[in-house]
Amino acid sequence: MNVKYVILYKLKNRKNIEDIVNICRRLNIEVIYIPREDSEYVPENVQISRDIYEIVHGLEDNVSFIVLETYGDKYLTEIDLGENICVIVGAEDTGIPEIEINKLPRDRTHVVKIPMGVYGASYNVVTSLIMMLTECLIRTYDEGILD
């Protein structure tokens, strides 16, 4: 699988955080958590950070960033995923502010949306991530990287 990292940006719901951490552990994906200021829960065995900029500069130069956001300008199926991906999912209530997305390298960042039947609606953050990971796995198999 070409997803190497998942950044959780100020997620609110503890169950969502736990589910994502467990899914990523099973897939050998490193989780980086940016907690809310008032967060009382910090998952075990994950990297903690306070800023997206700090994270970006700690990763390899060949990592591409895929931000799952309702205001994305492309669908996941429309982009080239690349080899080393960092997926960023935002808070269930506020998402990821554009000011934070602007800290990511423009030439290696895609802000994508997942098609919805109802305008303005969005999937649960865990569901969105699973859809993203499934697309990556399908493409990996289609490209013959995995048998």
Protein backbone atom coordinates (compact mmCIF):
# COMPACT_ATOMS: atom_id res chain seq x y z
CA MET A 1 0.00 0.00 0.00
CA ASN A 2 1.30 3.45 -0.85
CA VAL A 3 -0.24 5.24 2.15
CA LYS A 4 2.54 5.66 4.70
CA TYR A 5 1.07 8.24 7.07
CA VAL A 6 -2.31 9.45 8.30
CA ILE A 7 -2.57 12.79 10.06
CA LEU A 8 -5.55 13.28 12.36
CA TYR A 9 -6.18 17.01 12.54
CA LYS A 10 -8.03 17.90 15.75
CA LEU A 11 -10.56 15.09 15.64
CA LYS A 12 -13.24 15.45 18.25
CA ASN A 13 -14.76 12.01 18.69
CA ARG A 14 -12.71 9.53 20.71
CA LYS A 15 -14.29 6.51 19.00
CA ASN A 16 -13.35 7.88 15.57
CA ILE A 17 -9.76 8.40 16.72
CA GLU A 18 -9.56 4.88 18.19
CA ASP A 19 -11.05 3.32 15.04
CA ILE A 20 -8.63 5.12 12.74
CA VAL A 21 -5.62 4.27 14.90
CA ASN A 22 -6.63 0.58 14.96
CA ILE A 23 -7.18 0.45 11.19
CA CYS A 24 -3.84 2.13 10.52
CA ARG A 25 -1.98 -0.18 12.89
CA ARG A 26 -3.29 -3.21 11.04
CA LEU A 27 -2.14 -1.72 7.74
CA ASN A 28 1.27 -0.56 9.06
CA ILE A 29 0.41 3.10 8.51
CA GLU A 30 1.95 5.60 10.90
CA VAL A 31 -0.56 7.87 12.64
CA ILE A 32 0.30 11.45 13.54
CA TYR A 33 -2.17 13.17 15.83
CA ILE A 34 -2.73 16.90 16.21
CA PRO A 35 -5.03 17.18 19.24
CA ARG A 36 -7.52 19.91 19.97
CA GLU A 37 -6.48 22.37 22.64
CA ASP A 38 -9.15 21.01 25.00
CA SER A 39 -8.59 17.34 24.19
CA GLU A 40 -8.42 15.00 27.14
CA TYR A 41 -7.74 11.87 25.07
CA VAL A 42 -4.41 11.06 23.48
CA PRO A 43 -4.11 7.71 21.70
CA GLU A 44 -1.20 5.45 22.63
CA ASN A 45 1.74 4.75 20.34
CA VAL A 46 1.14 7.60 17.93
CA GLN A 47 3.26 10.62 17.16
CA ILE A 48 1.84 13.82 18.64
CA SER A 49 2.35 17.17 16.98
CA ARG A 50 0.95 20.66 17.35
CA ASP A 51 1.34 21.88 13.78
CA ILE A 52 1.00 20.58 10.22
CA TYR A 53 4.04 22.61 9.13
CA GLU A 54 6.20 20.83 11.70
CA ILE A 55 4.99 17.44 10.46
CA VAL A 56 5.59 18.23 6.78
CA HIS A 57 9.19 19.18 7.38
CA GLY A 58 9.78 16.01 9.37
CA LEU A 59 8.71 13.73 6.50
CA GLU A 60 10.60 12.67 3.40
CA ASP A 61 10.68 15.07 0.42
CA ASN A 62 8.88 12.57 -1.81
CA VAL A 63 5.71 12.34 0.30
CA SER A 64 2.54 13.60 -1.37
CA PHE A 65 -0.38 14.86 0.69
CA ILE A 66 -4.02 14.01 0.14
CA VAL A 67 -6.41 16.09 2.21
CA LEU A 68 -9.93 14.68 2.50
CA GLU A 69 -12.23 17.71 2.70
CA THR A 70 -15.79 18.54 1.67
CA TYR A 71 -14.53 21.63 -0.21
CA GLY A 72 -12.00 19.63 -2.24
CA ASP A 73 -11.66 20.59 -5.89
CA LYS A 74 -11.10 17.07 -7.25
CA TYR A 75 -12.39 13.57 -6.67
CA LEU A 76 -10.02 10.90 -5.44
CA THR A 77 -10.39 9.00 -8.71
CA GLU A 78 -9.11 12.04 -10.65
CA ILE A 79 -5.64 12.24 -9.11
CA ASP A 80 -2.39 10.32 -9.39
CA LEU A 81 -1.76 8.86 -5.96
CA GLY A 82 2.02 8.54 -6.18
CA GLU A 83 4.24 6.25 -4.14
CA ASN A 84 4.43 7.72 -0.62
CA ILE A 85 1.16 9.21 0.56
CA CYS A 86 0.20 11.08 3.68
CA VAL A 87 -3.58 11.32 4.12
CA ILE A 88 -4.91 14.15 6.25
CA VAL A 89 -8.37 13.98 7.79
CA GLY A 90 -9.88 16.83 9.71
CA ALA A 91 -12.17 17.39 12.63
CA GLU A 92 -15.70 16.09 12.28
CA ASP A 93 -17.22 19.50 12.97
CA THR A 94 -14.78 22.00 11.46
CA GLY A 95 -12.63 20.04 9.03
CA ILE A 96 -9.22 21.47 8.22
CA PRO A 97 -8.94 25.24 7.83
CA GLU A 98 -7.51 26.38 4.50
CA ILE A 99 -4.79 28.26 6.39
CA GLU A 100 -3.50 24.87 7.57
CA ILE A 101 -3.71 23.35 4.09
CA ASN A 102 -1.68 26.29 2.77
CA LYS A 103 1.22 25.09 4.96
CA LEU A 104 1.51 22.00 2.74
CA PRO A 105 3.76 22.00 -0.35
CA ARG A 106 1.46 23.01 -3.25
CA ASP A 107 3.19 20.82 -5.82
CA ARG A 108 2.63 17.69 -3.71
CA THR A 109 -0.83 18.36 -2.25
CA HIS A 110 -4.32 17.43 -3.45
CA VAL A 111 -7.48 18.48 -1.65
CA VAL A 112 -10.04 15.86 -2.61
CA LYS A 113 -13.67 15.21 -1.94
CA ILE A 114 -15.64 11.99 -2.00
CA PRO A 115 -18.81 12.04 -4.13
CA MET A 116 -22.01 12.52 -2.16
CA GLY A 117 -25.63 12.07 -3.19
CA VAL A 118 -26.73 15.12 -1.19
CA TYR A 119 -25.01 18.47 -1.68
CA GLY A 120 -23.35 19.69 1.52
CA ALA A 121 -23.44 16.29 3.20
CA SER A 122 -20.32 14.41 4.25
CA TYR A 123 -19.32 10.94 5.34
CA ASN A 124 -18.10 10.06 8.80
CA VAL A 125 -14.34 10.65 9.03
CA VAL A 126 -13.59 6.95 9.54
CA THR A 127 -15.73 6.00 6.54
CA SER A 128 -13.99 8.60 4.39
CA LEU A 129 -10.57 7.27 5.34
CA ILE A 130 -11.61 3.68 4.64
CA MET A 131 -12.87 4.73 1.19
CA MET A 132 -9.53 6.42 0.53
CA LEU A 133 -7.52 3.39 1.68
CA THR A 134 -9.70 1.07 -0.39
CA GLU A 135 -9.05 3.15 -3.51
CA CYS A 136 -5.31 2.96 -2.81
CA LEU A 137 -5.46 -0.81 -2.41
CA ILE A 138 -7.47 -1.23 -5.62
CA ARG A 139 -4.97 0.85 -7.56
CA THR A 140 -2.04 -1.00 -6.00
CA TYR A 141 -3.50 -4.34 -7.14
CA ASP A 142 -4.42 -2.95 -10.57
CA GLU A 143 -0.85 -1.75 -11.08
CA GLY A 144 0.47 -5.21 -10.21
CA ILE A 145 2.38 -4.00 -7.16
CA LEU A 146 0.63 -6.58 -4.98
CA ASP A 147 -0.48 -10.05 -6.03
